[in-house]
Amino acid sequence: MRTLWLITGMLSFAAGAVGLVLPVLPTVPFMILAAFAFARANPKWEAWLVNHAVFGPHIRAWRERRAISLYGKWAGVLALIASAAVGFWLLDGWLQYIPAAVAVVSGSFIVTRPTA
């Protein structure tokens, strides 16, 4: 099981690293998942990630208060609106409403979290 957590942590960290250069891929949620997985597989890597100058504050805010930064909230909601608009434009019939429904549910979750 430890190997599975280690692989999950490494894949999440890699996805977060890609998110640093691709604006459509979020970084912090993947780093939070990586820290969660590393806590079960490699506490040394988890400690490094939690104490990291850039990612650490976001991870700690999520762990302690389930809080998201104001910038993170804005970025998340704007990305959801953009994806819902693209879905509405590209899809036909009732499929147009699926991205909007996902955006409403996800956006509601993001907005109702405490602000870090």
PDB file of N, CA and C in Angstrom:
ATOM      1  N   MET A   1       0.829  -1.200   0.000  1.00  0.00           N
ATOM      2  CA  MET A   1       0.000   0.000   0.000  1.00  0.00           C
ATOM      3  C   MET A   1       0.869   1.257   0.000  1.00  0.00           C
ATOM      4  N   ARG A   2       2.005   1.165   0.685  1.00  0.00           N
ATOM      5  CA  ARG A   2       2.903   2.308   0.743  1.00  0.00           C
ATOM      6  C   ARG A   2       3.407   2.693  -0.652  1.00  0.00           C
ATOM      7  N   THR A   3       3.648   1.694  -1.484  1.00  0.00           N
ATOM      8  CA  THR A   3       4.098   1.950  -2.852  1.00  0.00           C
ATOM      9  C   THR A   3       3.031   2.695  -3.642  1.00  0.00           C
ATOM     10  N   LEU A   4       1.780   2.320  -3.454  1.00  0.00           N
ATOM     11  CA  LEU A   4       0.686   3.002  -4.142  1.00  0.00           C
ATOM     12  C   LEU A   4       0.589   4.468  -3.718  1.00  0.00           C
ATOM     13  N   TRP A   5       0.753   4.727  -2.425  1.00  0.00           N
ATOM     14  CA  TRP A   5       0.735   6.118  -1.938  1.00  0.00           C
ATOM     15  C   TRP A   5       1.920   6.900  -2.502  1.00  0.00           C
ATOM     16  N   LEU A   6       3.071   6.250  -2.590  1.00  0.00           N
ATOM     17  CA  LEU A   6       4.266   6.918  -3.122  1.00  0.00           C
ATOM     18  C   LEU A   6       4.061   7.274  -4.593  1.00  0.00           C
ATOM     19  N   ILE A   7       3.516   6.345  -5.369  1.00  0.00           N
ATOM     20  CA  ILE A   7       3.245   6.609  -6.787  1.00  0.00           C
ATOM     21  C   ILE A   7       2.214   7.728  -6.927  1.00  0.00           C
ATOM     22  N   THR A   8       1.173   7.686  -6.111  1.00  0.00           N
ATOM     23  CA  THR A   8       0.155   8.739  -6.138  1.00  0.00           C
ATOM     24  C   THR A   8       0.779  10.097  -5.822  1.00  0.00           C
ATOM     25  N   GLY A   9       1.630  10.131  -4.815  1.00  0.00           N
ATOM     26  CA  GLY A   9       2.293  11.381  -4.450  1.00  0.00           C
ATOM     27  C   GLY A   9       3.182  11.904  -5.559  1.00  0.00           C
ATOM     28  N   MET A  10       3.943  11.018  -6.179  1.00  0.00           N
ATOM     29  CA  MET A  10       4.840  11.455  -7.251  1.00  0.00           C
ATOM     30  C   MET A  10       4.065  11.931  -8.473  1.00  0.00           C
ATOM     31  N   LEU A  11       2.991  11.219  -8.824  1.00  0.00           N
ATOM     32  CA  LEU A  11       2.178  11.652  -9.967  1.00  0.00           C
ATOM     33  C   LEU A  11       1.486  12.982  -9.683  1.00  0.00           C
ATOM     34  N   SER A  12       1.009  13.157  -8.464  1.00  0.00           N
ATOM     35  CA  SER A  12       0.369  14.423  -8.086  1.00  0.00           C
ATOM     36  C   SER A  12       1.376  15.564  -8.095  1.00  0.00           C
ATOM     37  N   PHE A  13       2.568  15.293  -7.583  1.00  0.00           N
ATOM     38  CA  PHE A  13       3.606  16.319  -7.593  1.00  0.00           C
ATOM     39  C   PHE A  13       3.966  16.689  -9.031  1.00  0.00           C
ATOM     40  N   ALA A  14       4.088  15.686  -9.901  1.00  0.00           N
ATOM     41  CA  ALA A  14       4.409  15.945 -11.310  1.00  0.00           C
ATOM     42  C   ALA A  14       3.311  16.767 -11.977  1.00  0.00           C
ATOM     43  N   ALA A  15       2.052  16.434 -11.717  1.00  0.00           N
ATOM     44  CA  ALA A  15       0.941  17.203 -12.294  1.00  0.00           C
ATOM     45  C   ALA A  15       0.964  18.644 -11.780  1.00  0.00           C
ATOM     46  N   GLY A  16       1.259  18.813 -10.503  1.00  0.00           N
ATOM     47  CA  GLY A  16       1.371  20.163  -9.951  1.00  0.00           C
ATOM     48  C   GLY A  16       2.516  20.938 -10.566  1.00  0.00           C
ATOM     49  N   ALA A  17       3.622  20.259 -10.820  1.00  0.00           N
ATOM     50  CA  ALA A  17       4.774  20.913 -11.453  1.00  0.00           C
ATOM     51  C   ALA A  17       4.435  21.350 -12.872  1.00  0.00           C
ATOM     52  N   VAL A  18       3.704  20.523 -13.600  1.00  0.00           N
ATOM     53  CA  VAL A  18       3.262  20.902 -14.943  1.00  0.00           C
ATOM     54  C   VAL A  18       2.318  22.100 -14.851  1.00  0.00           C
ATOM     55  N   GLY A  19       1.507  22.139 -13.805  1.00  0.00           N
ATOM     56  CA  GLY A  19       0.593  23.250 -13.594  1.00  0.00           C
ATOM     57  C   GLY A  19       1.289  24.582 -13.368  1.00  0.00           C
ATOM     58  N   LEU A  20       2.565  24.536 -12.989  1.00  0.00           N
ATOM     59  CA  LEU A  20       3.314  25.785 -12.830  1.00  0.00           C
ATOM     60  C   LEU A  20       3.508  26.505 -14.160  1.00  0.00           C
ATOM     61  N   VAL A  21       3.580  25.737 -15.247  1.00  0.00           N
ATOM     62  CA  VAL A  21       3.827  26.354 -16.555  1.00  0.00           C
ATOM     63  C   VAL A  21       2.597  26.365 -17.456  1.00  0.00           C
ATOM     64  N   LEU A  22       1.608  25.531 -17.159  1.00  0.00           N
ATOM     65  CA  LEU A  22       0.368  25.522 -17.943  1.00  0.00           C
ATOM     66  C   LEU A  22      -0.739  26.207 -17.153  1.00  0.00           C
ATOM     67  N   PRO A  23      -1.253  27.310 -17.652  1.00  0.00           N
ATOM     68  CA  PRO A  23      -2.245  28.056 -16.879  1.00  0.00           C
ATOM     69  C   PRO A  23      -3.572  27.329 -16.686  1.00  0.00           C
ATOM     70  N   VAL A  24      -3.868  26.312 -17.488  1.00  0.00           N
ATOM     71  CA  VAL A  24      -5.158  25.625 -17.359  1.00  0.00           C
ATOM     72  C   VAL A  24      -5.135  24.501 -16.334  1.00  0.00           C
ATOM     73  N   LEU A  25      -3.962  24.154 -15.835  1.00  0.00           N
ATOM     74  CA  LEU A  25      -3.834  23.061 -14.871  1.00  0.00           C
ATOM     75  C   LEU A  25      -3.522  23.644 -13.493  1.00  0.00           C
ATOM     76  N   PRO A  26      -4.351  23.380 -12.501  1.00  0.00           N
ATOM     77  CA  PRO A  26      -4.096  23.951 -11.170  1.00  0.00           C
ATOM     78  C   PRO A  26      -2.896  23.290 -10.507  1.00  0.00           C
ATOM     79  N   THR A  27      -2.156  24.045  -9.741  1.00  0.00           N
ATOM     80  CA  THR A  27      -0.960  23.521  -9.075  1.00  0.00           C
ATOM     81  C   THR A  27      -1.260  23.100  -7.645  1.00  0.00           C
ATOM     82  N   VAL A  28      -1.843  23.982  -6.864  1.00  0.00           N
ATOM     83  CA  VAL A  28      -2.001  23.765  -5.426  1.00  0.00           C
ATOM     84  C   VAL A  28      -2.821  22.512  -5.081  1.00  0.00           C
ATOM     85  N   PRO A  29      -3.954  22.250  -5.749  1.00  0.00           N
ATOM     86  CA  PRO A  29      -4.681  21.018  -5.380  1.00  0.00           C
ATOM     87  C   PRO A  29      -3.842  19.752  -5.563  1.00  0.00           C
ATOM     88  N   PHE A  30      -3.018  19.729  -6.594  1.00  0.00           N
ATOM     89  CA  PHE A  30      -2.151  18.570  -6.794  1.00  0.00           C
ATOM     90  C   PHE A  30      -1.074  18.485  -5.721  1.00  0.00           C
ATOM     91  N   MET A  31      -0.571  19.632  -5.270  1.00  0.00           N
ATOM     92  CA  MET A  31       0.435  19.623  -4.206  1.00  0.00           C
ATOM     93  C   MET A  31      -0.194  19.197  -2.872  1.00  0.00           C
ATOM     94  N   ILE A  32      -1.427  19.591  -2.639  1.00  0.00           N
ATOM     95  CA  ILE A  32      -2.133  19.151  -1.433  1.00  0.00           C
ATOM     96  C   ILE A  32      -2.308  17.636  -1.466  1.00  0.00           C
ATOM     97  N   LEU A  33      -2.702  17.106  -2.612  1.00  0.00           N
ATOM     98  CA  LEU A  33      -2.846  15.659  -2.761  1.00  0.00           C
ATOM     99  C   LEU A  33      -1.501  14.957  -2.611  1.00  0.00           C
ATOM    100  N   ALA A  34      -0.445  15.544  -3.161  1.00  0.00           N
ATOM    101  CA  ALA A  34       0.890  14.957  -3.028  1.00  0.00           C
ATOM    102  C   ALA A  34       1.307  14.902  -1.563  1.00  0.00           C
ATOM    103  N   ALA A  35       1.076  15.966  -0.822  1.00  0.00           N
ATOM    104  CA  ALA A  35       1.424  15.984   0.604  1.00  0.00           C
ATOM    105  C   ALA A  35       0.627  14.930   1.368  1.00  0.00           C
ATOM    106  N   PHE A  36      -0.648  14.778   1.028  1.00  0.00           N
ATOM    107  CA  PHE A  36      -1.494  13.762   1.653  1.00  0.00           C
ATOM    108  C   PHE A  36      -0.933  12.367   1.390  1.00  0.00           C
ATOM    109  N   ALA A  37      -0.564  12.098   0.151  1.00  0.00           N
ATOM    110  CA  ALA A  37      -0.032  10.785  -0.206  1.00  0.00           C
ATOM    111  C   ALA A  37       1.345  10.559   0.412  1.00  0.00           C
ATOM    112  N   PHE A  38       2.202  11.567   0.386  1.00  0.00           N
ATOM    113  CA  PHE A  38       3.535  11.426   0.972  1.00  0.00           C
ATOM    114  C   PHE A  38       3.474  11.212   2.478  1.00  0.00           C
ATOM    115  N   ALA A  39       2.451  11.748   3.136  1.00  0.00           N
ATOM    116  CA  ALA A  39       2.302  11.536   4.579  1.00  0.00           C
ATOM    117  C   ALA A  39       2.145  10.053   4.886  1.00  0.00           C
ATOM    118  N   ARG A  40       1.626   9.302   3.942  1.00  0.00           N
ATOM    119  CA  ARG A  40       1.420   7.871   4.125  1.00  0.00           C
ATOM    120  C   ARG A  40       2.562   7.028   3.568  1.00  0.00           C
ATOM    121  N   ALA A  41       3.414   7.631   2.744  1.00  0.00           N
ATOM    122  CA  ALA A  41       4.457   6.858   2.084  1.00  0.00           C
ATOM    123  C   ALA A  41       5.873   7.297   2.444  1.00  0.00           C
ATOM    124  N   ASN A  42       6.083   8.616   2.548  1.00  0.00           N
ATOM    125  CA  ASN A  42       7.426   9.124   2.790  1.00  0.00           C
ATOM    126  C   ASN A  42       7.330  10.430   3.585  1.00  0.00           C
ATOM    127  N   PRO A  43       7.314  10.341   4.907  1.00  0.00           N
ATOM    128  CA  PRO A  43       7.154  11.540   5.742  1.00  0.00           C
ATOM    129  C   PRO A  43       8.212  12.616   5.495  1.00  0.00           C
ATOM    130  N   LYS A  44       9.384  12.225   5.067  1.00  0.00           N
ATOM    131  CA  LYS A  44      10.436  13.201   4.777  1.00  0.00           C
ATOM    132  C   LYS A  44      10.029  14.085   3.588  1.00  0.00           C
ATOM    133  N   TRP A  45       9.476  13.491   2.554  1.00  0.00           N
ATOM    134  CA  TRP A  45       9.012  14.256   1.395  1.00  0.00           C
ATOM    135  C   TRP A  45       7.809  15.106   1.758  1.00  0.00           C
ATOM    136  N   GLU A  46       6.940  14.565   2.605  1.00  0.00           N
ATOM    137  CA  GLU A  46       5.789  15.343   3.050  1.00  0.00           C
ATOM    138  C   GLU A  46       6.256  16.578   3.810  1.00  0.00           C
ATOM    139  N   ALA A  47       7.220  16.405   4.698  1.00  0.00           N
ATOM    140  CA  ALA A  47       7.733  17.535   5.475  1.00  0.00           C
ATOM    141  C   ALA A  47       8.355  18.586   4.559  1.00  0.00           C
ATOM    142  N   TRP A  48       9.074  18.141   3.544  1.00  0.00           N
ATOM    143  CA  TRP A  48       9.677  19.083   2.598  1.00  0.00           C
ATOM    144  C   TRP A  48       8.589  19.892   1.892  1.00  0.00           C
ATOM    145  N   LEU A  49       7.543  19.221   1.465  1.00  0.00           N
ATOM    146  CA  LEU A  49       6.466  19.886   0.738  1.00  0.00           C
ATOM    147  C   LEU A  49       5.684  20.837   1.645  1.00  0.00           C
ATOM    148  N   VAL A  50       5.387  20.407   2.866  1.00  0.00           N
ATOM    149  CA  VAL A  50       4.633  21.234   3.804  1.00  0.00           C
ATOM    150  C   VAL A  50       5.444  22.470   4.218  1.00  0.00           C
ATOM    151  N   ASN A  51       6.753  22.351   4.240  1.00  0.00           N
ATOM    152  CA  ASN A  51       7.611  23.469   4.634  1.00  0.00           C
ATOM    153  C   ASN A  51       8.147  24.259   3.444  1.00  0.00           C
ATOM    154  N   HIS A  52       7.717  23.916   2.251  1.00  0.00           N
ATOM    155  CA  HIS A  52       8.168  24.614   1.045  1.00  0.00           C
ATOM    156  C   HIS A  52       7.692  26.072   1.090  1.00  0.00           C
ATOM    157  N   ALA A  53       8.531  26.969   0.625  1.00  0.00           N
ATOM    158  CA  ALA A  53       8.213  28.401   0.699  1.00  0.00           C
ATOM    159  C   ALA A  53       6.986  28.786  -0.124  1.00  0.00           C
ATOM    160  N   VAL A  54       6.776  28.135  -1.248  1.00  0.00           N
ATOM    161  CA  VAL A  54       5.650  28.491  -2.121  1.00  0.00           C
ATOM    162  C   VAL A  54       4.408  27.655  -1.826  1.00  0.00           C
ATOM    163  N   PHE A  55       4.572  26.335  -1.755  1.00  0.00           N
ATOM    164  CA  PHE A  55       3.422  25.447  -1.603  1.00  0.00           C
ATOM    165  C   PHE A  55       3.001  25.252  -0.151  1.00  0.00           C
ATOM    166  N   GLY A  56       3.930  25.356   0.761  1.00  0.00           N
ATOM    167  CA  GLY A  56       3.666  25.085   2.170  1.00  0.00           C
ATOM    168  C   GLY A  56       2.515  25.878   2.771  1.00  0.00           C
ATOM    169  N   PRO A  57       2.473  27.196   2.579  1.00  0.00           N
ATOM    170  CA  PRO A  57       1.371  27.960   3.171  1.00  0.00           C
ATOM    171  C   PRO A  57      -0.010  27.509   2.683  1.00  0.00           C
ATOM    172  N   HIS A  58      -0.117  27.154   1.410  1.00  0.00           N
ATOM    173  CA  HIS A  58      -1.403  26.697   0.869  1.00  0.00           C
ATOM    174  C   HIS A  58      -1.788  25.341   1.460  1.00  0.00           C
ATOM    175  N   ILE A  59      -0.817  24.458   1.570  1.00  0.00           N
ATOM    176  CA  ILE A  59      -1.077  23.133   2.127  1.00  0.00           C
ATOM    177  C   ILE A  59      -1.484  23.251   3.593  1.00  0.00           C
ATOM    178  N   ARG A  60      -0.752  24.056   4.343  1.00  0.00           N
ATOM    179  CA  ARG A  60      -1.075  24.225   5.768  1.00  0.00           C
ATOM    180  C   ARG A  60      -2.441  24.877   5.960  1.00  0.00           C
ATOM    181  N   ALA A  61      -2.762  25.885   5.121  1.00  0.00           N
ATOM    182  CA  ALA A  61      -4.075  26.543   5.230  1.00  0.00           C
ATOM    183  C   ALA A  61      -5.195  25.543   4.955  1.00  0.00           C
ATOM    184  N   TRP A  62      -4.995  24.662   3.982  1.00  0.00           N
ATOM    185  CA  TRP A  62      -6.022  23.673   3.687  1.00  0.00           C
ATOM    186  C   TRP A  62      -6.146  22.671   4.831  1.00  0.00           C
ATOM    187  N   ARG A  63      -5.025  22.217   5.342  1.00  0.00           N
ATOM    188  CA  ARG A  63      -5.049  21.223   6.416  1.00  0.00           C
ATOM    189  C   ARG A  63      -5.644  21.788   7.701  1.00  0.00           C
ATOM    190  N   GLU A  64      -5.297  22.995   8.031  1.00  0.00           N
ATOM    191  CA  GLU A  64      -5.718  23.563   9.313  1.00  0.00           C
ATOM    192  C   GLU A  64      -7.145  24.110   9.296  1.00  0.00           C
ATOM    193  N   ARG A  65      -7.516  24.776   8.186  1.00  0.00           N
ATOM    194  CA  ARG A  65      -8.814  25.456   8.162  1.00  0.00           C
ATOM    195  C   ARG A  65      -9.657  25.133   6.938  1.00  0.00           C
ATOM    196  N   ARG A  66      -9.174  24.243   6.084  1.00  0.00           N
ATOM    197  CA  ARG A  66      -9.840  23.957   4.799  1.00  0.00           C
ATOM    198  C   ARG A  66     -10.035  25.260   4.021  1.00  0.00           C
ATOM    199  N   ALA A  67      -9.005  26.129   4.084  1.00  0.00           N
ATOM    200  CA  ALA A  67      -9.084  27.460   3.492  1.00  0.00           C
ATOM    201  C   ALA A  67      -8.371  27.516   2.143  1.00  0.00           C
ATOM    202  N   ILE A  68      -8.899  28.372   1.271  1.00  0.00           N
ATOM    203  CA  ILE A  68      -8.331  28.610  -0.053  1.00  0.00           C
ATOM    204  C   ILE A  68      -8.012  30.097  -0.143  1.00  0.00           C
ATOM    205  N   SER A  69      -6.871  30.432  -0.738  1.00  0.00           N
ATOM    206  CA  SER A  69      -6.497  31.839  -0.864  1.00  0.00           C
ATOM    207  C   SER A  69      -7.487  32.579  -1.753  1.00  0.00           C
ATOM    208  N   LEU A  70      -7.574  33.878  -1.573  1.00  0.00           N
ATOM    209  CA  LEU A  70      -8.476  34.690  -2.380  1.00  0.00           C
ATOM    210  C   LEU A  70      -8.106  34.584  -3.856  1.00  0.00           C
ATOM    211  N   TYR A  71      -6.816  34.624  -4.145  1.00  0.00           N
ATOM    212  CA  TYR A  71      -6.367  34.467  -5.529  1.00  0.00           C
ATOM    213  C   TYR A  71      -6.784  33.099  -6.075  1.00  0.00           C
ATOM    214  N   GLY A  72      -6.643  32.058  -5.268  1.00  0.00           N
ATOM    215  CA  GLY A  72      -7.040  30.719  -5.689  1.00  0.00           C
ATOM    216  C   GLY A  72      -8.530  30.626  -5.972  1.00  0.00           C
ATOM    217  N   LYS A  73      -9.320  31.299  -5.147  1.00  0.00           N
ATOM    218  CA  LYS A  73     -10.767  31.314  -5.374  1.00  0.00           C
ATOM    219  C   LYS A  73     -11.101  31.998  -6.698  1.00  0.00           C
ATOM    220  N   TRP A  74     -10.512  33.171  -6.914  1.00  0.00           N
ATOM    221  CA  TRP A  74     -10.766  33.895  -8.158  1.00  0.00           C
ATOM    222  C   TRP A  74     -10.331  33.081  -9.364  1.00  0.00           C
ATOM    223  N   ALA A  75      -9.140  32.532  -9.301  1.00  0.00           N
ATOM    224  CA  ALA A  75      -8.623  31.760 -10.432  1.00  0.00           C
ATOM    225  C   ALA A  75      -9.493  30.540 -10.706  1.00  0.00           C
ATOM    226  N   GLY A  76      -9.900  29.848  -9.656  1.00  0.00           N
ATOM    227  CA  GLY A  76     -10.738  28.669  -9.822  1.00  0.00           C
ATOM    228  C   GLY A  76     -12.094  28.989 -10.417  1.00  0.00           C
ATOM    229  N   VAL A  77     -12.736  30.013  -9.896  1.00  0.00           N
ATOM    230  CA  VAL A  77     -14.069  30.381 -10.388  1.00  0.00           C
ATOM    231  C   VAL A  77     -13.985  30.894 -11.829  1.00  0.00           C
ATOM    232  N   LEU A  78     -12.983  31.687 -12.136  1.00  0.00           N
ATOM    233  CA  LEU A  78     -12.845  32.179 -13.513  1.00  0.00           C
ATOM    234  C   LEU A  78     -12.568  31.031 -14.487  1.00  0.00           C
ATOM    235  N   ALA A  79     -11.758  30.075 -14.076  1.00  0.00           N
ATOM    236  CA  ALA A  79     -11.498  28.914 -14.929  1.00  0.00           C
ATOM    237  C   ALA A  79     -12.768  28.095 -15.139  1.00  0.00           C
ATOM    238  N   LEU A  80     -13.562  27.958 -14.102  1.00  0.00           N
ATOM    239  CA  LEU A  80     -14.828  27.229 -14.233  1.00  0.00           C
ATOM    240  C   LEU A  80     -15.796  27.948 -15.174  1.00  0.00           C
ATOM    241  N   ILE A  81     -15.866  29.258 -15.060  1.00  0.00           N
ATOM    242  CA  ILE A  81     -16.738  30.035 -15.954  1.00  0.00           C
ATOM    243  C   ILE A  81     -16.273  29.888 -17.396  1.00  0.00           C
ATOM    244  N   ALA A  82     -14.968  29.989 -17.605  1.00  0.00           N
ATOM    245  CA  ALA A  82     -14.435  29.853 -18.968  1.00  0.00           C
ATOM    246  C   ALA A  82     -14.714  28.465 -19.541  1.00  0.00           C
ATOM    247  N   SER A  83     -14.519  27.433 -18.742  1.00  0.00           N
ATOM    248  CA  SER A  83     -14.757  26.071 -19.252  1.00  0.00           C
ATOM    249  C   SER A  83     -16.247  25.840 -19.513  1.00  0.00           C
ATOM    250  N   ALA A  84     -17.104  26.388 -18.692  1.00  0.00           N
ATOM    251  CA  ALA A  84     -18.544  26.255 -18.926  1.00  0.00           C
ATOM    252  C   ALA A  84     -18.944  26.981 -20.208  1.00  0.00           C
ATOM    253  N   ALA A  85     -18.361  28.147 -20.456  1.00  0.00           N
ATOM    254  CA  ALA A  85     -18.666  28.894 -21.683  1.00  0.00           C
ATOM    255  C   ALA A  85     -18.194  28.133 -22.915  1.00  0.00           C
ATOM    256  N   VAL A  86     -16.991  27.577 -22.842  1.00  0.00           N
ATOM    257  CA  VAL A  86     -16.472  26.791 -23.970  1.00  0.00           C
ATOM    258  C   VAL A  86     -17.343  25.567 -24.202  1.00  0.00           C
ATOM    259  N   GLY A  87     -17.732  24.896 -23.138  1.00  0.00           N
ATOM    260  CA  GLY A  87     -18.612  23.737 -23.265  1.00  0.00           C
ATOM    261  C   GLY A  87     -19.954  24.102 -23.876  1.00  0.00           C
ATOM    262  N   PHE A  88     -20.499  25.240 -23.466  1.00  0.00           N
ATOM    263  CA  PHE A  88     -21.781  25.680 -24.005  1.00  0.00           C
ATOM    264  C   PHE A  88     -21.660  25.988 -25.490  1.00  0.00           C
ATOM    265  N   TRP A  89     -20.515  26.514 -25.881  1.00  0.00           N
ATOM    266  CA  TRP A  89     -20.278  26.896 -27.271  1.00  0.00           C
ATOM    267  C   TRP A  89     -19.997  25.678 -28.152  1.00  0.00           C
ATOM    268  N   LEU A  90     -19.250  24.699 -27.637  1.00  0.00           N
ATOM    269  CA  LEU A  90     -18.833  23.558 -28.453  1.00  0.00           C
ATOM    270  C   LEU A  90     -19.797  22.377 -28.455  1.00  0.00           C
ATOM    271  N   LEU A  91     -20.586  22.231 -27.417  1.00  0.00           N
ATOM    272  CA  LEU A  91     -21.464  21.064 -27.313  1.00  0.00           C
ATOM    273  C   LEU A  91     -22.865  21.388 -27.813  1.00  0.00           C
ATOM    274  N   ASP A  92     -23.584  20.336 -28.175  1.00  0.00           N
ATOM    275  CA  ASP A  92     -24.949  20.506 -28.681  1.00  0.00           C
ATOM    276  C   ASP A  92     -25.964  19.894 -27.731  1.00  0.00           C
ATOM    277  N   GLY A  93     -27.186  20.404 -27.826  1.00  0.00           N
ATOM    278  CA  GLY A  93     -28.285  19.834 -27.062  1.00  0.00           C
ATOM    279  C   GLY A  93     -28.076  19.937 -25.561  1.00  0.00           C
ATOM    280  N   TRP A  94     -28.552  18.904 -24.864  1.00  0.00           N
ATOM    281  CA  TRP A  94     -28.488  18.911 -23.396  1.00  0.00           C
ATOM    282  C   TRP A  94     -27.065  18.799 -22.870  1.00  0.00           C
ATOM    283  N   LEU A  95     -26.127  18.342 -23.709  1.00  0.00           N
ATOM    284  CA  LEU A  95     -24.728  18.238 -23.273  1.00  0.00           C
ATOM    285  C   LEU A  95     -24.117  19.602 -22.954  1.00  0.00           C
ATOM    286  N   GLN A  96     -24.694  20.658 -23.532  1.00  0.00           N
ATOM    287  CA  GLN A  96     -24.193  22.013 -23.273  1.00  0.00           C
ATOM    288  C   GLN A  96     -24.265  22.379 -21.797  1.00  0.00           C
ATOM    289  N   TYR A  97     -25.208  21.784 -21.096  1.00  0.00           N
ATOM    290  CA  TYR A  97     -25.459  22.189 -19.715  1.00  0.00           C
ATOM    291  C   TYR A  97     -24.608  21.432 -18.697  1.00  0.00           C
ATOM    292  N   ILE A  98     -23.960  20.369 -19.119  1.00  0.00           N
ATOM    293  CA  ILE A  98     -23.134  19.591 -18.182  1.00  0.00           C
ATOM    294  C   ILE A  98     -21.963  20.413 -17.641  1.00  0.00           C
ATOM    295  N   PRO A  99     -21.156  21.069 -18.498  1.00  0.00           N
ATOM    296  CA  PRO A  99     -20.069  21.888 -17.939  1.00  0.00           C
ATOM    297  C   PRO A  99     -20.566  23.000 -17.018  1.00  0.00           C
ATOM    298  N   ALA A 100     -21.708  23.585 -17.339  1.00  0.00           N
ATOM    299  CA  ALA A 100     -22.259  24.638 -16.475  1.00  0.00           C
ATOM    300  C   ALA A 100     -22.674  24.070 -15.127  1.00  0.00           C
ATOM    301  N   ALA A 101     -23.279  22.891 -15.131  1.00  0.00           N
ATOM    302  CA  ALA A 101     -23.685  22.263 -13.866  1.00  0.00           C
ATOM    303  C   ALA A 101     -22.465  21.928 -13.011  1.00  0.00           C
ATOM    304  N   VAL A 102     -21.432  21.391 -13.641  1.00  0.00           N
ATOM    305  CA  VAL A 102     -20.197  21.081 -12.911  1.00  0.00           C
ATOM    306  C   VAL A 102     -19.582  22.363 -12.360  1.00  0.00           C
ATOM    307  N   ALA A 103     -19.618  23.430 -13.160  1.00  0.00           N
ATOM    308  CA  ALA A 103     -19.067  24.716 -12.715  1.00  0.00           C
ATOM    309  C   ALA A 103     -19.833  25.270 -11.523  1.00  0.00           C
ATOM    310  N   VAL A 104     -21.131  25.142 -11.530  1.00  0.00           N
ATOM    311  CA  VAL A 104     -21.943  25.646 -10.413  1.00  0.00           C
ATOM    312  C   VAL A 104     -21.628  24.871  -9.135  1.00  0.00           C
ATOM    313  N   VAL A 105     -21.586  23.550  -9.234  1.00  0.00           N
ATOM    314  CA  VAL A 105     -21.309  22.732  -8.049  1.00  0.00           C
ATOM    315  C   VAL A 105     -19.892  22.987  -7.542  1.00  0.00           C
ATOM    316  N   SER A 106     -18.916  22.921  -8.448  1.00  0.00           N
ATOM    317  CA  SER A 106     -17.520  23.130  -8.047  1.00  0.00           C
ATOM    318  C   SER A 106     -17.280  24.549  -7.552  1.00  0.00           C
ATOM    319  N   GLY A 107     -17.846  25.512  -8.264  1.00  0.00           N
ATOM    320  CA  GLY A 107     -17.686  26.906  -7.862  1.00  0.00           C
ATOM    321  C   GLY A 107     -18.305  27.188  -6.505  1.00  0.00           C
ATOM    322  N   SER A 108     -19.439  26.570  -6.245  1.00  0.00           N
ATOM    323  CA  SER A 108     -20.069  26.737  -4.928  1.00  0.00           C
ATOM    324  C   SER A 108     -19.171  26.200  -3.820  1.00  0.00           C
ATOM    325  N   PHE A 109     -18.537  25.060  -4.078  1.00  0.00           N
ATOM    326  CA  PHE A 109     -17.613  24.503  -3.089  1.00  0.00           C
ATOM    327  C   PHE A 109     -16.452  25.461  -2.844  1.00  0.00           C
ATOM    328  N   ILE A 110     -15.864  25.969  -3.918  1.00  0.00           N
ATOM    329  CA  ILE A 110     -14.708  26.862  -3.795  1.00  0.00           C
ATOM    330  C   ILE A 110     -15.077  28.134  -3.039  1.00  0.00           C
ATOM    331  N   VAL A 111     -16.174  28.742  -3.409  1.00  0.00           N
ATOM    332  CA  VAL A 111     -16.581  30.030  -2.824  1.00  0.00           C
ATOM    333  C   VAL A 111     -16.941  29.892  -1.344  1.00  0.00           C
ATOM    334  N   THR A 112     -17.477  28.746  -0.966  1.00  0.00           N
ATOM    335  CA  THR A 112     -17.904  28.595   0.433  1.00  0.00           C
ATOM    336  C   THR A 112     -16.789  28.166   1.382  1.00  0.00           C
ATOM    337  N   ARG A 113     -15.604  27.904   0.884  1.00  0.00           N
ATOM    338  CA  ARG A 113     -14.466  27.588   1.758  1.00  0.00           C
ATOM    339  C   ARG A 113     -13.967  28.875   2.412  1.00  0.00           C
ATOM    340  N   PRO A 114     -13.409  28.765   3.605  1.00  0.00           N
ATOM    341  CA  PRO A 114     -12.820  29.957   4.232  1.00  0.00           C
ATOM    342  C   PRO A 114     -11.680  30.512   3.369  1.00  0.00           C
ATOM    343  N   THR A 115     -11.458  31.802   3.474  1.00  0.00           N
ATOM    344  CA  THR A 115     -10.375  32.448   2.723  1.00  0.00           C
ATOM    345  C   THR A 115      -9.106  32.435   3.565  1.00  0.00           C
ATOM    346  N   ALA A 116      -8.033  31.971   2.943  1.00  0.00           N
ATOM    347  CA  ALA A 116      -6.734  31.903   3.642  1.00  0.00           C
ATOM    348  C   ALA A 116      -6.071  33.254   3.656  1.00  0.00           C
TER     349      ALA A 116
END
